[in-house]
C-alpha cells in the first residue's frame, strides 16, 4: 500500500503555511480543508494572531493521507477517521463510542459502493459544498 508521502509533492522548507498554500500544494480546495478540520482530530492547524489558519508540516502530511484515503481508497469520512485513529493508536473516546454504537448496516456502508461510485459521489458532494458556500450570506 502506498503512503501519503509517496504521492505528496515536495513540501517547501518552512514551518508554517497559510490555507491557500496548503490548498495549492495538496490540490484540495480551501473549504474542503476547513471541513476536514471539523472531521479529523489529527488535522489541527494553529491560528495566527490575526486569526489565519497556519498549517504545520504534519498537518500537510495529514491532508495528503486523508485525501488518499477518501479519494483513492474510497473510504467514507467516518471510515477514514476510524482508520487514522487505529493507525495512530490514538483512538479517542468519540471514535470508540461511534464504532460501538453505530449500527452494523452503517459500518458496512464503507464497503457498499464501488470505487467509481464513491468518486462520483465525493465529486458531487464537493460541488454541492461549493454551491452552499456561494449561497451563504456574507
Protein backbone atom coordinates (compact mmCIF):
# COMPACT_ATOMS: atom_id res chain seq x y z
CA UNK A 1 0.00 0.00 0.00
CA UNK A 2 1.38 3.41 -0.95
CA UNK A 3 1.79 6.01 1.75
CA UNK A 4 0.79 9.65 1.54
CA UNK A 5 4.46 10.65 1.47
CA UNK A 6 4.97 8.71 -1.77
CA UNK A 7 2.18 10.68 -3.50
CA UNK A 8 2.99 14.05 -1.96
CA UNK A 9 4.95 16.64 -3.86
CA UNK A 10 7.90 18.15 -2.03
CA UNK A 11 6.75 20.39 0.80
CA UNK A 12 8.73 23.66 0.85
CA UNK A 13 11.24 24.02 3.66
CA UNK A 14 9.34 26.25 6.08
CA UNK A 15 7.44 25.60 9.26
CA UNK A 16 4.02 27.24 8.73
CA UNK A 17 1.76 27.52 5.69
CA UNK A 18 -1.41 29.51 5.04
CA UNK A 19 -4.52 27.69 3.88
CA UNK A 20 -4.10 28.92 0.29
CA UNK A 21 -0.60 27.45 0.14
CA UNK A 22 -1.84 24.15 1.53
CA UNK A 23 -4.68 24.19 -0.96
CA UNK A 24 -2.25 24.59 -3.87
CA UNK A 25 0.25 22.05 -2.51
CA UNK A 26 -2.35 19.35 -1.91
CA UNK A 27 -4.75 20.10 -4.75
CA UNK A 28 -7.57 20.44 -2.23
CA UNK A 29 -9.97 23.37 -2.07
CA UNK A 30 -9.77 25.61 1.00
CA UNK A 31 -13.38 24.94 2.04
CA UNK A 32 -12.66 21.20 1.96
CA UNK A 33 -9.65 21.73 4.23
CA UNK A 34 -11.79 23.74 6.66
CA UNK A 35 -14.41 20.97 6.64
CA UNK A 36 -11.80 18.27 7.22
CA UNK A 37 -10.60 20.21 10.27
CA UNK A 38 -14.01 19.59 11.83
CA UNK A 39 -13.99 15.89 10.94
CA UNK A 40 -10.42 14.77 11.63
CA UNK A 41 -8.86 15.37 15.05
CA UNK A 42 -5.38 14.85 13.58
CA UNK A 43 -5.80 17.95 11.42
CA UNK A 44 -5.46 20.91 13.79
CA UNK A 45 -3.82 23.99 12.25
CA UNK A 46 -2.83 26.74 14.66
CA UNK A 47 -4.29 30.24 14.43
CA UNK A 48 -2.05 33.24 13.93
CA UNK A 49 -2.55 36.39 15.98
CA UNK A 50 -4.60 37.76 13.09
CA UNK A 51 -6.82 34.65 13.12
CA UNK A 52 -5.42 32.99 9.96
CA UNK A 53 -5.06 29.23 9.86
CA UNK A 54 -1.43 28.21 9.85
CA UNK A 55 -0.74 24.62 8.90
CA UNK A 56 2.38 22.79 10.09
CA UNK A 57 4.21 20.18 8.02
CA UNK A 58 2.44 17.40 9.98
CA UNK A 59 -0.91 18.95 9.08
CA UNK A 60 0.01 18.92 5.39
CA UNK A 61 1.08 15.29 5.62
CA UNK A 62 -2.26 14.54 7.31
CA UNK A 63 -4.10 16.28 4.45
CA UNK A 64 -2.28 14.09 1.91
CA UNK A 65 -3.16 10.95 3.89
CA UNK A 66 -6.82 11.97 4.34
CA UNK A 67 -7.08 12.79 0.64
CA UNK A 68 -5.57 9.41 -0.29
CA UNK A 69 -7.96 7.53 1.99
CA UNK A 70 -11.03 9.38 0.72
CA UNK A 71 -10.30 9.71 -2.98
CA UNK A 72 -8.02 6.77 -3.81
CA UNK A 73 -9.02 4.15 -1.25
CA UNK A 74 -12.71 5.09 -1.27
CA UNK A 75 -13.17 5.46 2.49
CA UNK A 76 -16.07 7.45 3.90
CA UNK A 77 -15.24 10.32 6.27
CA UNK A 78 -16.16 8.15 9.28
CA UNK A 79 -14.19 5.20 7.92
CA UNK A 80 -11.12 7.34 7.24
CA UNK A 81 -11.37 8.88 10.74
CA UNK A 82 -11.51 5.39 12.30
CA UNK A 83 -8.65 4.16 10.12
CA UNK A 84 -6.42 7.10 11.08
CA UNK A 85 -7.26 6.68 14.77
CA UNK A 86 -6.42 2.97 14.64
CA UNK A 87 -3.26 3.62 12.62
CA UNK A 88 -2.03 6.26 15.06
CA UNK A 89 -3.08 4.22 18.09
CA UNK A 90 -4.89 7.31 19.39
CA UNK A 91 -8.49 6.24 19.09
CA UNK A 92 -10.30 8.82 21.17
CA UNK A 93 -13.49 8.15 23.09
CA UNK A 94 -15.78 9.61 20.42
CA UNK A 95 -14.35 7.30 17.77
CA UNK A 96 -14.63 4.31 20.10
CA UNK A 97 -18.23 5.16 21.00
CA UNK A 98 -19.12 5.75 17.36
CA UNK A 99 -17.68 2.35 16.42
CA UNK A 100 -19.56 0.58 19.19
CA UNK A 101 -22.96 2.19 18.77
CA UNK A 102 -23.03 2.59 15.00
CA UNK A 103 -25.44 0.07 13.52
CA UNK A 104 -23.84 -2.74 11.54
CA UNK A 105 -25.53 -1.51 8.37
CA UNK A 106 -23.84 1.90 8.70
CA UNK A 107 -20.40 0.34 9.28
CA UNK A 108 -20.87 -1.89 6.24
CA UNK A 109 -21.72 1.16 4.13
CA UNK A 110 -17.96 1.82 3.84
CA UNK A 111 -17.79 -1.18 1.52
CA UNK A 112 -21.10 -0.91 -0.39
CA UNK A 113 -20.09 1.30 -3.28
CA UNK A 114 -17.53 0.63 -5.95
CA UNK A 115 -14.54 2.97 -6.17
CA UNK A 116 -16.00 4.72 -9.23
CA UNK A 117 -19.34 5.27 -7.50
CA UNK A 118 -17.61 6.68 -4.42
CA UNK A 119 -15.51 9.02 -6.56
CA UNK A 120 -18.65 10.25 -8.33
CA UNK A 121 -20.45 10.81 -5.02
CA UNK A 122 -17.43 12.58 -3.49
CA UNK A 123 -17.15 14.87 -6.54
CA UNK A 124 -20.88 15.64 -6.35
CA UNK A 125 -20.60 16.33 -2.62
CA UNK A 126 -17.66 18.68 -3.19
CA UNK A 127 -19.61 20.59 -5.83
CA UNK A 128 -22.65 20.86 -3.54
CA UNK A 129 -20.47 22.17 -0.70
CA UNK A 130 -19.05 24.76 -3.09
CA UNK A 131 -22.56 25.84 -4.04
CA UNK A 132 -23.53 26.10 -0.36
CA UNK A 133 -20.56 28.34 0.37
CA UNK A 134 -21.55 30.59 -2.51
CA UNK A 135 -25.10 30.83 -1.15
CA UNK A 136 -24.07 31.66 2.41
CA UNK A 137 -24.76 35.28 3.37
CA UNK A 138 -21.60 37.29 3.87
